[in-house]
């Protein structure tokens, strides 16, 4: 099964890519995806996550064809 993972803003720079595809056979959570693409780094609590363009939690399970996006919180003034 395949999912698309996207990174935005400063996360794009930290991870070194804007998008990647992940192949998997067992169920994956958002947290496990983050660990897989960042060499087992802990997903910081302040990072926002969306699955199929809807906010999700770190425990959300993804399925075939899903799109997962990680992005830092937006600040402004």
N, C-alpha and C. Protein backbone atom coordinates (compact mmCIF):
# COMPACT_ATOMS: atom_id res chain seq x y z
N UNK A 1 0.85 -1.18 0.00
CA UNK A 1 0.00 0.00 0.00
C UNK A 1 0.89 1.24 0.00
N UNK A 2 0.37 2.32 -0.52
CA UNK A 2 1.14 3.55 -0.65
C UNK A 2 0.37 4.73 -0.09
N UNK A 3 1.10 5.61 0.60
CA UNK A 3 0.53 6.90 1.02
C UNK A 3 1.51 8.00 0.61
N UNK A 4 0.99 9.20 0.48
CA UNK A 4 1.80 10.36 0.16
C UNK A 4 2.00 11.17 1.43
N UNK A 5 3.24 11.59 1.67
CA UNK A 5 3.56 12.40 2.85
C UNK A 5 4.14 13.72 2.36
N UNK A 6 3.59 14.83 2.88
CA UNK A 6 4.04 16.17 2.48
C UNK A 6 4.55 16.93 3.69
N UNK A 7 5.52 17.81 3.45
CA UNK A 7 6.11 18.64 4.50
C UNK A 7 6.05 20.10 4.06
N UNK A 8 5.69 20.97 4.99
CA UNK A 8 5.54 22.38 4.66
C UNK A 8 6.43 23.27 5.52
N UNK A 9 6.74 24.45 4.97
CA UNK A 9 7.49 25.50 5.66
C UNK A 9 8.82 24.97 6.20
N UNK A 10 9.13 25.25 7.45
CA UNK A 10 10.43 24.87 8.02
C UNK A 10 10.62 23.37 8.11
N UNK A 11 9.54 22.60 8.17
CA UNK A 11 9.66 21.14 8.20
C UNK A 11 10.23 20.61 6.90
N UNK A 12 9.89 21.26 5.81
CA UNK A 12 10.43 20.90 4.50
C UNK A 12 11.95 20.99 4.52
N UNK A 13 12.46 22.04 5.13
CA UNK A 13 13.91 22.23 5.22
C UNK A 13 14.55 21.22 6.17
N UNK A 14 13.91 20.93 7.29
CA UNK A 14 14.44 19.99 8.26
C UNK A 14 14.52 18.57 7.70
N UNK A 15 13.48 18.16 6.99
CA UNK A 15 13.41 16.80 6.46
C UNK A 15 14.19 16.69 5.15
N UNK A 16 14.30 17.79 4.43
CA UNK A 16 15.07 17.79 3.19
C UNK A 16 14.27 17.40 1.95
N UNK A 17 12.95 17.41 2.06
CA UNK A 17 12.11 17.11 0.90
C UNK A 17 10.73 17.71 1.11
N UNK A 18 10.03 17.91 0.01
CA UNK A 18 8.68 18.46 0.10
C UNK A 18 7.62 17.37 0.13
N UNK A 19 7.96 16.22 -0.46
CA UNK A 19 6.98 15.14 -0.56
C UNK A 19 7.69 13.81 -0.72
N UNK A 20 7.08 12.76 -0.22
CA UNK A 20 7.61 11.41 -0.40
C UNK A 20 6.47 10.42 -0.42
N UNK A 21 6.72 9.27 -0.95
CA UNK A 21 5.75 8.17 -0.96
C UNK A 21 6.25 7.11 0.01
N UNK A 22 5.35 6.51 0.77
CA UNK A 22 5.71 5.45 1.70
C UNK A 22 4.94 4.20 1.33
N UNK A 23 5.67 3.10 1.23
CA UNK A 23 5.08 1.79 1.02
C UNK A 23 4.97 1.11 2.38
N UNK A 24 3.83 0.46 2.64
CA UNK A 24 3.67 -0.23 3.91
C UNK A 24 2.70 -1.39 3.76
N UNK A 25 2.80 -2.35 4.67
CA UNK A 25 1.91 -3.49 4.61
C UNK A 25 1.02 -3.59 5.85
N UNK A 26 1.51 -3.07 6.99
CA UNK A 26 0.73 -3.06 8.22
C UNK A 26 0.12 -1.69 8.41
N UNK A 27 -0.85 -1.58 9.31
CA UNK A 27 -1.44 -0.28 9.57
C UNK A 27 -0.41 0.66 10.19
N UNK A 28 -0.48 1.91 9.80
CA UNK A 28 0.44 2.93 10.30
C UNK A 28 -0.34 4.07 10.91
N UNK A 29 0.21 4.65 11.98
CA UNK A 29 -0.34 5.88 12.54
C UNK A 29 0.48 7.04 12.01
N UNK A 30 -0.05 8.23 12.16
CA UNK A 30 0.66 9.44 11.77
C UNK A 30 2.01 9.49 12.48
N UNK A 31 2.04 9.16 13.75
CA UNK A 31 3.28 9.18 14.51
C UNK A 31 4.32 8.22 13.92
N UNK A 32 3.91 7.03 13.55
CA UNK A 32 4.84 6.05 12.95
C UNK A 32 5.36 6.53 11.60
N UNK A 33 4.51 7.20 10.85
CA UNK A 33 4.96 7.76 9.57
C UNK A 33 6.05 8.79 9.80
N UNK A 34 5.83 9.69 10.76
CA UNK A 34 6.84 10.70 11.08
C UNK A 34 8.16 10.03 11.45
N UNK A 35 8.10 9.03 12.30
CA UNK A 35 9.32 8.33 12.71
C UNK A 35 10.01 7.68 11.52
N UNK A 36 9.24 7.12 10.62
CA UNK A 36 9.83 6.46 9.46
C UNK A 36 10.55 7.44 8.54
N UNK A 37 9.98 8.62 8.34
CA UNK A 37 10.59 9.58 7.41
C UNK A 37 11.66 10.46 8.06
N UNK A 38 11.76 10.43 9.39
CA UNK A 38 12.75 11.26 10.09
C UNK A 38 13.76 10.42 10.87
N UNK A 39 13.94 9.18 10.52
CA UNK A 39 14.91 8.30 11.19
C UNK A 39 14.63 8.20 12.69
N UNK A 40 13.36 7.94 13.03
CA UNK A 40 12.91 7.69 14.40
C UNK A 40 12.96 8.88 15.35
N UNK A 41 12.88 10.09 14.82
CA UNK A 41 12.77 11.26 15.69
C UNK A 41 11.36 11.32 16.26
N UNK A 42 11.25 11.89 17.45
CA UNK A 42 9.94 12.04 18.10
C UNK A 42 9.17 13.17 17.42
N UNK A 43 7.89 12.94 17.16
CA UNK A 43 7.04 13.97 16.57
C UNK A 43 6.71 15.00 17.63
N UNK A 44 7.21 16.25 17.48
CA UNK A 44 6.92 17.28 18.48
C UNK A 44 5.42 17.55 18.59
N UNK A 45 4.97 17.84 19.80
CA UNK A 45 3.54 18.07 20.07
C UNK A 45 2.98 19.26 19.30
N UNK A 46 3.84 20.26 19.02
CA UNK A 46 3.34 21.48 18.39
C UNK A 46 3.18 21.35 16.86
N UNK A 47 3.66 20.28 16.27
CA UNK A 47 3.53 20.09 14.83
C UNK A 47 2.08 19.75 14.49
N UNK A 48 1.55 20.41 13.49
CA UNK A 48 0.18 20.15 13.05
C UNK A 48 0.21 19.07 11.97
N UNK A 49 -0.84 18.27 11.96
CA UNK A 49 -0.93 17.15 11.02
C UNK A 49 -2.31 17.17 10.36
N UNK A 50 -2.33 16.88 9.07
CA UNK A 50 -3.59 16.72 8.36
C UNK A 50 -3.55 15.40 7.59
N UNK A 51 -4.65 14.69 7.60
CA UNK A 51 -4.82 13.49 6.78
C UNK A 51 -5.95 13.79 5.81
N UNK A 52 -5.63 13.73 4.54
CA UNK A 52 -6.60 14.07 3.49
C UNK A 52 -7.21 15.45 3.70
N UNK A 53 -6.35 16.39 4.04
CA UNK A 53 -6.67 17.81 4.20
C UNK A 53 -7.62 18.11 5.36
N UNK A 54 -7.64 17.23 6.36
CA UNK A 54 -8.40 17.49 7.58
C UNK A 54 -7.47 17.26 8.77
N UNK A 55 -7.54 18.16 9.76
CA UNK A 55 -6.67 18.02 10.92
C UNK A 55 -6.82 16.63 11.53
N UNK A 56 -5.70 16.11 12.00
CA UNK A 56 -5.67 14.76 12.58
C UNK A 56 -4.75 14.76 13.80
N UNK A 57 -4.83 13.69 14.58
CA UNK A 57 -3.95 13.54 15.74
C UNK A 57 -2.80 12.61 15.38
N UNK A 58 -1.84 12.53 16.27
CA UNK A 58 -0.68 11.66 16.06
C UNK A 58 -1.08 10.19 16.05
N UNK A 59 -2.23 9.86 16.65
CA UNK A 59 -2.68 8.48 16.72
C UNK A 59 -3.60 8.06 15.57
N UNK A 60 -3.87 8.98 14.66
CA UNK A 60 -4.74 8.67 13.53
C UNK A 60 -4.10 7.60 12.65
N UNK A 61 -4.88 6.60 12.31
CA UNK A 61 -4.41 5.52 11.44
C UNK A 61 -4.66 5.91 9.99
N UNK A 62 -3.67 5.67 9.14
CA UNK A 62 -3.81 5.99 7.72
C UNK A 62 -4.05 4.71 6.93
N UNK A 63 -4.60 4.90 5.71
CA UNK A 63 -4.90 3.76 4.86
C UNK A 63 -4.41 4.04 3.44
N UNK A 64 -4.50 3.05 2.62
CA UNK A 64 -4.07 3.13 1.23
C UNK A 64 -4.59 4.39 0.55
N UNK A 65 -3.69 5.11 -0.11
CA UNK A 65 -4.07 6.28 -0.88
C UNK A 65 -4.21 7.57 -0.09
N UNK A 66 -4.07 7.51 1.24
CA UNK A 66 -4.18 8.73 2.05
C UNK A 66 -3.03 9.69 1.78
N UNK A 67 -3.28 10.95 2.06
CA UNK A 67 -2.25 11.99 2.00
C UNK A 67 -2.08 12.53 3.41
N UNK A 68 -0.85 12.50 3.91
CA UNK A 68 -0.54 13.00 5.25
C UNK A 68 0.35 14.22 5.09
N UNK A 69 0.00 15.31 5.77
CA UNK A 69 0.78 16.54 5.69
C UNK A 69 1.20 16.97 7.08
N UNK A 70 2.47 17.35 7.20
CA UNK A 70 3.02 17.87 8.46
C UNK A 70 3.39 19.33 8.24
N UNK A 71 3.00 20.19 9.20
CA UNK A 71 3.36 21.59 9.08
C UNK A 71 3.45 22.23 10.46
N UNK A 72 4.34 23.23 10.58
CA UNK A 72 4.47 23.92 11.86
C UNK A 72 3.28 24.83 12.09
N UNK A 73 3.02 25.17 13.36
CA UNK A 73 1.92 26.09 13.63
C UNK A 73 2.18 27.44 12.98
N UNK A 74 1.13 28.08 12.57
CA UNK A 74 1.24 29.38 11.90
C UNK A 74 1.25 30.48 12.96
N UNK A 75 2.19 31.38 12.81
CA UNK A 75 2.22 32.55 13.70
C UNK A 75 2.23 33.80 12.83
N UNK A 76 1.88 34.86 13.41
CA UNK A 76 1.87 36.09 12.63
C UNK A 76 1.62 37.29 13.53
N UNK A 77 1.61 38.39 12.92
CA UNK A 77 1.38 39.57 13.72
C UNK A 77 1.10 40.75 12.87
